[in-house]
PDB file of N, CA and C in Angstrom:
ATOM      1  N   MET A   1      22.232  45.950 -50.989  1.00  0.00           N
ATOM      2  CA  MET A   1      23.581  45.526 -50.677  1.00  0.00           C
ATOM      3  C   MET A   1      23.566  44.671 -49.418  1.00  0.00           C
ATOM      4  N   ARG A   2      24.205  43.521 -49.474  1.00  0.00           N
ATOM      5  CA  ARG A   2      24.256  42.602 -48.338  1.00  0.00           C
ATOM      6  C   ARG A   2      25.426  42.963 -47.433  1.00  0.00           C
ATOM      7  N   VAL A   3      25.150  43.093 -46.145  1.00  0.00           N
ATOM      8  CA  VAL A   3      26.208  43.382 -45.177  1.00  0.00           C
ATOM      9  C   VAL A   3      26.877  42.065 -44.815  1.00  0.00           C
ATOM     10  N   ARG A   4      28.169  42.005 -44.958  1.00  0.00           N
ATOM     11  CA  ARG A   4      28.916  40.782 -44.670  1.00  0.00           C
ATOM     12  C   ARG A   4      29.249  40.716 -43.183  1.00  0.00           C
ATOM     13  N   ARG A   5      28.832  39.645 -42.556  1.00  0.00           N
ATOM     14  CA  ARG A   5      29.137  39.446 -41.142  1.00  0.00           C
ATOM     15  C   ARG A   5      30.582  39.001 -40.992  1.00  0.00           C
ATOM     16  N   GLY A   6      31.130  39.185 -39.810  1.00  0.00           N
ATOM     17  CA  GLY A   6      32.478  38.736 -39.525  1.00  0.00           C
ATOM     18  C   GLY A   6      32.568  37.218 -39.598  1.00  0.00           C
ATOM     19  N   GLU A   7      33.763  36.733 -39.828  1.00  0.00           N
ATOM     20  CA  GLU A   7      33.967  35.298 -39.990  1.00  0.00           C
ATOM     21  C   GLU A   7      33.528  34.509 -38.758  1.00  0.00           C
ATOM     22  N   LEU A   8      33.899  34.985 -37.573  1.00  0.00           N
ATOM     23  CA  LEU A   8      33.531  34.265 -36.354  1.00  0.00           C
ATOM     24  C   LEU A   8      32.020  34.208 -36.192  1.00  0.00           C
ATOM     25  N   GLU A   9      31.352  35.306 -36.451  1.00  0.00           N
ATOM     26  CA  GLU A   9      29.904  35.349 -36.314  1.00  0.00           C
ATOM     27  C   GLU A   9      29.227  34.419 -37.327  1.00  0.00           C
ATOM     28  N   ARG A  10      29.775  34.353 -38.532  1.00  0.00           N
ATOM     29  CA  ARG A  10      29.237  33.434 -39.543  1.00  0.00           C
ATOM     30  C   ARG A  10      29.362  31.991 -39.084  1.00  0.00           C
ATOM     31  N   ILE A  11      30.524  31.631 -38.569  1.00  0.00           N
ATOM     32  CA  ILE A  11      30.745  30.262 -38.101  1.00  0.00           C
ATOM     33  C   ILE A  11      29.803  29.945 -36.943  1.00  0.00           C
ATOM     34  N   ARG A  12      29.766  30.828 -35.961  1.00  0.00           N
ATOM     35  CA  ARG A  12      28.942  30.597 -34.776  1.00  0.00           C
ATOM     36  C   ARG A  12      27.464  30.461 -35.147  1.00  0.00           C
ATOM     37  N   SER A  13      26.962  31.338 -35.981  1.00  0.00           N
ATOM     38  CA  SER A  13      25.538  31.308 -36.296  1.00  0.00           C
ATOM     39  C   SER A  13      25.155  30.046 -37.065  1.00  0.00           C
ATOM     40  N   VAL A  14      26.014  29.593 -37.969  1.00  0.00           N
ATOM     41  CA  VAL A  14      25.707  28.367 -38.707  1.00  0.00           C
ATOM     42  C   VAL A  14      25.715  27.166 -37.770  1.00  0.00           C
ATOM     43  N   LEU A  15      26.698  27.081 -36.889  1.00  0.00           N
ATOM     44  CA  LEU A  15      26.754  25.949 -35.963  1.00  0.00           C
ATOM     45  C   LEU A  15      25.564  25.955 -35.012  1.00  0.00           C
ATOM     46  N   GLU A  16      25.135  27.138 -34.586  1.00  0.00           N
ATOM     47  CA  GLU A  16      23.943  27.222 -33.737  1.00  0.00           C
ATOM     48  C   GLU A  16      22.706  26.798 -34.508  1.00  0.00           C
ATOM     49  N   GLU A  17      22.575  27.268 -35.733  1.00  0.00           N
ATOM     50  CA  GLU A  17      21.433  26.910 -36.579  1.00  0.00           C
ATOM     51  C   GLU A  17      21.399  25.404 -36.828  1.00  0.00           C
ATOM     52  N   ALA A  18      22.572  24.804 -37.020  1.00  0.00           N
ATOM     53  CA  ALA A  18      22.663  23.369 -37.289  1.00  0.00           C
ATOM     54  C   ALA A  18      22.630  22.555 -35.990  1.00  0.00           C
ATOM     55  N   GLU A  19      22.557  23.251 -34.864  1.00  0.00           N
ATOM     56  CA  GLU A  19      22.500  22.636 -33.534  1.00  0.00           C
ATOM     57  C   GLU A  19      23.720  21.783 -33.228  1.00  0.00           C
ATOM     58  N   HIS A  20      24.885  22.281 -33.642  1.00  0.00           N
ATOM     59  CA  HIS A  20      26.161  21.650 -33.289  1.00  0.00           C
ATOM     60  C   HIS A  20      26.752  22.444 -32.138  1.00  0.00           C
ATOM     61  N   ASP A  21      26.857  21.821 -30.978  1.00  0.00           N
ATOM     62  CA  ASP A  21      27.369  22.579 -29.838  1.00  0.00           C
ATOM     63  C   ASP A  21      28.552  21.910 -29.153  1.00  0.00           C
ATOM     64  N   GLY A  22      28.941  20.741 -29.581  1.00  0.00           N
ATOM     65  CA  GLY A  22      30.093  20.081 -28.982  1.00  0.00           C
ATOM     66  C   GLY A  22      31.368  20.433 -29.708  1.00  0.00           C
ATOM     67  N   PRO A  23      32.491  19.977 -29.193  1.00  0.00           N
ATOM     68  CA  PRO A  23      33.773  20.227 -29.857  1.00  0.00           C
ATOM     69  C   PRO A  23      33.802  19.591 -31.246  1.00  0.00           C
ATOM     70  N   MET A  24      34.343  20.324 -32.197  1.00  0.00           N
ATOM     71  CA  MET A  24      34.430  19.842 -33.575  1.00  0.00           C
ATOM     72  C   MET A  24      35.792  20.199 -34.145  1.00  0.00           C
ATOM     73  N   THR A  25      36.245  19.394 -35.101  1.00  0.00           N
ATOM     74  CA  THR A  25      37.483  19.722 -35.814  1.00  0.00           C
ATOM     75  C   THR A  25      37.191  20.826 -36.832  1.00  0.00           C
ATOM     76  N   ALA A  26      38.243  21.463 -37.305  1.00  0.00           N
ATOM     77  CA  ALA A  26      38.079  22.495 -38.329  1.00  0.00           C
ATOM     78  C   ALA A  26      37.471  21.899 -39.596  1.00  0.00           C
ATOM     79  N   ARG A  27      37.821  20.673 -39.936  1.00  0.00           N
ATOM     80  CA  ARG A  27      37.266  20.004 -41.122  1.00  0.00           C
ATOM     81  C   ARG A  27      35.767  19.771 -40.940  1.00  0.00           C
ATOM     82  N   GLU A  28      35.351  19.306 -39.755  1.00  0.00           N
ATOM     83  CA  GLU A  28      33.931  19.080 -39.488  1.00  0.00           C
ATOM     84  C   GLU A  28      33.153  20.397 -39.565  1.00  0.00           C
ATOM     85  N   ILE A  29      33.746  21.439 -39.017  1.00  0.00           N
ATOM     86  CA  ILE A  29      33.100  22.759 -39.061  1.00  0.00           C
ATOM     87  C   ILE A  29      32.978  23.232 -40.504  1.00  0.00           C
ATOM     88  N   LEU A  30      34.035  23.073 -41.278  1.00  0.00           N
ATOM     89  CA  LEU A  30      34.002  23.470 -42.688  1.00  0.00           C
ATOM     90  C   LEU A  30      32.898  22.725 -43.434  1.00  0.00           C
ATOM     91  N   ASP A  31      32.744  21.444 -43.173  1.00  0.00           N
ATOM     92  CA  ASP A  31      31.688  20.657 -43.831  1.00  0.00           C
ATOM     93  C   ASP A  31      30.307  21.210 -43.507  1.00  0.00           C
ATOM     94  N   VAL A  32      30.066  21.559 -42.241  1.00  0.00           N
ATOM     95  CA  VAL A  32      28.770  22.121 -41.838  1.00  0.00           C
ATOM     96  C   VAL A  32      28.555  23.479 -42.511  1.00  0.00           C
ATOM     97  N   LEU A  33      29.603  24.294 -42.539  1.00  0.00           N
ATOM     98  CA  LEU A  33      29.500  25.611 -43.180  1.00  0.00           C
ATOM     99  C   LEU A  33      29.118  25.461 -44.649  1.00  0.00           C
ATOM    100  N   GLU A  34      29.787  24.557 -45.345  1.00  0.00           N
ATOM    101  CA  GLU A  34      29.501  24.354 -46.766  1.00  0.00           C
ATOM    102  C   GLU A  34      28.083  23.846 -46.984  1.00  0.00           C
ATOM    103  N   GLU A  35      27.599  22.975 -46.092  1.00  0.00           N
ATOM    104  CA  GLU A  35      26.223  22.468 -46.197  1.00  0.00           C
ATOM    105  C   GLU A  35      25.198  23.592 -46.063  1.00  0.00           C
ATOM    106  N   HIS A  36      25.593  24.677 -45.385  1.00  0.00           N
ATOM    107  CA  HIS A  36      24.688  25.808 -45.158  1.00  0.00           C
ATOM    108  C   HIS A  36      25.016  27.013 -46.041  1.00  0.00           C
ATOM    109  N   GLY A  37      25.811  26.786 -47.087  1.00  0.00           N
ATOM    110  CA  GLY A  37      26.052  27.825 -48.074  1.00  0.00           C
ATOM    111  C   GLY A  37      27.056  28.894 -47.676  1.00  0.00           C
ATOM    112  N   GLU A  38      27.821  28.660 -46.625  1.00  0.00           N
ATOM    113  CA  GLU A  38      28.874  29.608 -46.230  1.00  0.00           C
ATOM    114  C   GLU A  38      30.185  29.170 -46.868  1.00  0.00           C
ATOM    115  N   GLU A  39      30.854  30.090 -47.507  1.00  0.00           N
ATOM    116  CA  GLU A  39      32.084  29.760 -48.213  1.00  0.00           C
ATOM    117  C   GLU A  39      33.315  30.147 -47.405  1.00  0.00           C
ATOM    118  N   PHE A  40      34.135  29.166 -47.146  1.00  0.00           N
ATOM    119  CA  PHE A  40      35.461  29.364 -46.575  1.00  0.00           C
ATOM    120  C   PHE A  40      36.413  28.601 -47.484  1.00  0.00           C
ATOM    121  N   ASP A  41      37.649  29.064 -47.586  1.00  0.00           N
ATOM    122  CA  ASP A  41      38.596  28.459 -48.514  1.00  0.00           C
ATOM    123  C   ASP A  41      39.048  27.069 -48.093  1.00  0.00           C
ATOM    124  N   SER A  42      39.195  26.861 -46.766  1.00  0.00           N
ATOM    125  CA  SER A  42      39.764  25.599 -46.304  1.00  0.00           C
ATOM    126  C   SER A  42      39.525  25.422 -44.808  1.00  0.00           C
ATOM    127  N   ALA A  43      39.793  24.204 -44.344  1.00  0.00           N
ATOM    128  CA  ALA A  43      39.741  23.936 -42.904  1.00  0.00           C
ATOM    129  C   ALA A  43      40.807  24.779 -42.189  1.00  0.00           C
ATOM    130  N   HIS A  44      41.924  25.020 -42.864  1.00  0.00           N
ATOM    131  CA  HIS A  44      42.980  25.848 -42.286  1.00  0.00           C
ATOM    132  C   HIS A  44      42.466  27.262 -42.012  1.00  0.00           C
ATOM    133  N   GLN A  45      41.682  27.816 -42.922  1.00  0.00           N
ATOM    134  CA  GLN A  45      41.123  29.157 -42.715  1.00  0.00           C
ATOM    135  C   GLN A  45      40.195  29.144 -41.498  1.00  0.00           C
ATOM    136  N   VAL A  46      39.358  28.114 -41.372  1.00  0.00           N
ATOM    137  CA  VAL A  46      38.459  28.000 -40.220  1.00  0.00           C
ATOM    138  C   VAL A  46      39.282  27.931 -38.934  1.00  0.00           C
ATOM    139  N   ALA A  47      40.322  27.094 -38.919  1.00  0.00           N
ATOM    140  CA  ALA A  47      41.173  26.949 -37.744  1.00  0.00           C
ATOM    141  C   ALA A  47      41.870  28.262 -37.393  1.00  0.00           C
ATOM    142  N   THR A  48      42.286  29.001 -38.394  1.00  0.00           N
ATOM    143  CA  THR A  48      42.948  30.287 -38.166  1.00  0.00           C
ATOM    144  C   THR A  48      41.992  31.271 -37.507  1.00  0.00           C
ATOM    145  N   VAL A  49      40.770  31.349 -38.007  1.00  0.00           N
ATOM    146  CA  VAL A  49      39.767  32.248 -37.432  1.00  0.00           C
ATOM    147  C   VAL A  49      39.502  31.864 -35.983  1.00  0.00           C
ATOM    148  N   LEU A  50      39.267  30.579 -35.745  1.00  0.00           N
ATOM    149  CA  LEU A  50      38.949  30.135 -34.390  1.00  0.00           C
ATOM    150  C   LEU A  50      40.140  30.299 -33.448  1.00  0.00           C
ATOM    151  N   GLY A  51      41.332  30.009 -33.937  1.00  0.00           N
ATOM    152  CA  GLY A  51      42.533  30.180 -33.114  1.00  0.00           C
ATOM    153  C   GLY A  51      42.760  31.632 -32.726  1.00  0.00           C
ATOM    154  N   ARG A  52      42.504  32.531 -33.656  1.00  0.00           N
ATOM    155  CA  ARG A  52      42.646  33.962 -33.380  1.00  0.00           C
ATOM    156  C   ARG A  52      41.694  34.389 -32.262  1.00  0.00           C
ATOM    157  N   HIS A  53      40.475  33.873 -32.300  1.00  0.00           N
ATOM    158  CA  HIS A  53      39.485  34.257 -31.294  1.00  0.00           C
ATOM    159  C   HIS A  53      39.661  33.497 -29.985  1.00  0.00           C
ATOM    160  N   ALA A  54      40.425  32.422 -30.006  1.00  0.00           N
ATOM    161  CA  ALA A  54      40.736  31.711 -28.756  1.00  0.00           C
ATOM    162  C   ALA A  54      41.573  32.601 -27.841  1.00  0.00           C
ATOM    163  N   ARG A  55      42.411  33.433 -28.424  1.00  0.00           N
ATOM    164  CA  ARG A  55      43.232  34.354 -27.622  1.00  0.00           C
ATOM    165  C   ARG A  55      42.372  35.344 -26.852  1.00  0.00           C
ATOM    166  N   ASP A  56      41.181  35.646 -27.392  1.00  0.00           N
ATOM    167  CA  ASP A  56      40.259  36.574 -26.733  1.00  0.00           C
ATOM    168  C   ASP A  56      39.313  35.868 -25.779  1.00  0.00           C
ATOM    169  N   GLY A  57      39.371  34.531 -25.741  1.00  0.00           N
ATOM    170  CA  GLY A  57      38.516  33.771 -24.849  1.00  0.00           C
ATOM    171  C   GLY A  57      37.153  33.413 -25.425  1.00  0.00           C
ATOM    172  N   ASP A  58      36.936  33.671 -26.719  1.00  0.00           N
ATOM    173  CA  ASP A  58      35.649  33.363 -27.345  1.00  0.00           C
ATOM    174  C   ASP A  58      35.535  31.900 -27.755  1.00  0.00           C
ATOM    175  N   VAL A  59      36.685  31.258 -27.948  1.00  0.00           N
ATOM    176  CA  VAL A  59      36.736  29.885 -28.439  1.00  0.00           C
ATOM    177  C   VAL A  59      37.724  29.110 -27.577  1.00  0.00           C
ATOM    178  N   GLU A  60      37.380  27.871 -27.267  1.00  0.00           N
ATOM    179  CA  GLU A  60      38.296  26.981 -26.561  1.00  0.00           C
ATOM    180  C   GLU A  60      38.925  26.045 -27.577  1.00  0.00           C
ATOM    181  N   VAL A  61      40.242  25.913 -27.521  1.00  0.00           N
ATOM    182  CA  VAL A  61      40.958  24.987 -28.394  1.00  0.00           C
ATOM    183  C   VAL A  61      41.301  23.762 -27.552  1.00  0.00           C
ATOM    184  N   ILE A  62      40.809  22.623 -27.976  1.00  0.00           N
ATOM    185  CA  ILE A  62      41.078  21.366 -27.286  1.00  0.00           C
ATOM    186  C   ILE A  62      42.197  20.688 -28.058  1.00  0.00           C
ATOM    187  N   ARG A  63      43.364  20.708 -27.461  1.00  0.00           N
ATOM    188  CA  ARG A  63      44.549  20.213 -28.151  1.00  0.00           C
ATOM    189  C   ARG A  63      44.560  18.692 -28.159  1.00  0.00           C
ATOM    190  N   GLY A  64      44.821  18.158 -29.281  1.00  0.00           N
ATOM    191  CA  GLY A  64      44.882  16.719 -29.504  1.00  0.00           C
ATOM    192  C   GLY A  64      45.112  16.512 -30.975  1.00  0.00           C
ATOM    193  N   GLN A  65      44.921  15.318 -31.441  1.00  0.00           N
ATOM    194  CA  GLN A  65      45.076  15.036 -32.865  1.00  0.00           C
ATOM    195  C   GLN A  65      43.758  14.560 -33.416  1.00  0.00           C
ATOM    196  N   PRO A  66      43.039  15.319 -34.151  1.00  0.00           N
ATOM    197  CA  PRO A  66      43.280  16.731 -34.485  1.00  0.00           C
ATOM    198  C   PRO A  66      42.733  17.663 -33.407  1.00  0.00           C
ATOM    199  N   TYR A  67      43.116  18.927 -33.500  1.00  0.00           N
ATOM    200  CA  TYR A  67      42.551  19.932 -32.596  1.00  0.00           C
ATOM    201  C   TYR A  67      41.045  19.969 -32.784  1.00  0.00           C
ATOM    202  N   ARG A  68      40.357  20.259 -31.694  1.00  0.00           N
ATOM    203  CA  ARG A  68      38.911  20.475 -31.734  1.00  0.00           C
ATOM    204  C   ARG A  68      38.633  21.860 -31.168  1.00  0.00           C
ATOM    205  N   TYR A  69      37.537  22.431 -31.605  1.00  0.00           N
ATOM    206  CA  TYR A  69      37.187  23.798 -31.213  1.00  0.00           C
ATOM    207  C   TYR A  69      35.781  23.812 -30.637  1.00  0.00           C
ATOM    208  N   ARG A  70      35.596  24.652 -29.615  1.00  0.00           N
ATOM    209  CA  ARG A  70      34.279  24.804 -29.002  1.00  0.00           C
ATOM    210  C   ARG A  70      34.122  26.277 -28.638  1.00  0.00           C
ATOM    211  N   PHE A  71      32.941  26.823 -28.911  1.00  0.00           N
ATOM    212  CA  PHE A  71      32.665  28.202 -28.525  1.00  0.00           C
ATOM    213  C   PHE A  71      32.460  28.262 -27.021  1.00  0.00           C
ATOM    214  N   VAL A  72      33.015  29.287 -26.411  1.00  0.00           N
ATOM    215  CA  VAL A  72      32.849  29.511 -24.979  1.00  0.00           C
ATOM    216  C   VAL A  72      31.487  30.150 -24.765  1.00  0.00           C
ATOM    217  N   ASP A  73      30.716  29.589 -23.866  1.00  0.00           N
ATOM    218  CA  ASP A  73      29.377  30.104 -23.574  1.00  0.00           C
ATOM    219  C   ASP A  73      29.527  31.473 -22.932  1.00  0.00           C
ATOM    220  N   GLU A  74      28.890  32.462 -23.531  1.00  0.00           N
ATOM    221  CA  GLU A  74      28.982  33.842 -23.038  1.00  0.00           C
ATOM    222  C   GLU A  74      28.352  33.995 -21.670  1.00  0.00           C
ATOM    223  N   ASN A  75      27.496  33.064 -21.260  1.00  0.00           N
ATOM    224  CA  ASN A  75      26.808  33.182 -19.979  1.00  0.00           C
ATOM    225  C   ASN A  75      27.628  32.638 -18.823  1.00  0.00           C
ATOM    226  N   ASN A  76      28.770  31.995 -19.096  1.00  0.00           N
ATOM    227  CA  ASN A  76      29.605  31.461 -18.025  1.00  0.00           C
ATOM    228  C   ASN A  76      30.712  32.398 -17.661  1.00  0.00           C
TER     229      ASN A  76
END
């Protein structure tokens, strides 16, 4: 039986594996996830997950058109 990781951890690990560390739109993140076999329903779902974790300080939301997201470095 495969243990399913949390959505945030799935996103973070794929972006780290793909060596994407700069701000990205939810659409760009979704494209990278799909290239690595991770299934999310839409860019909106990705944005919702990241926005939820921004409240906890795990993700920075860079407001603009479109919004961009960046993981907060745990070492800072």
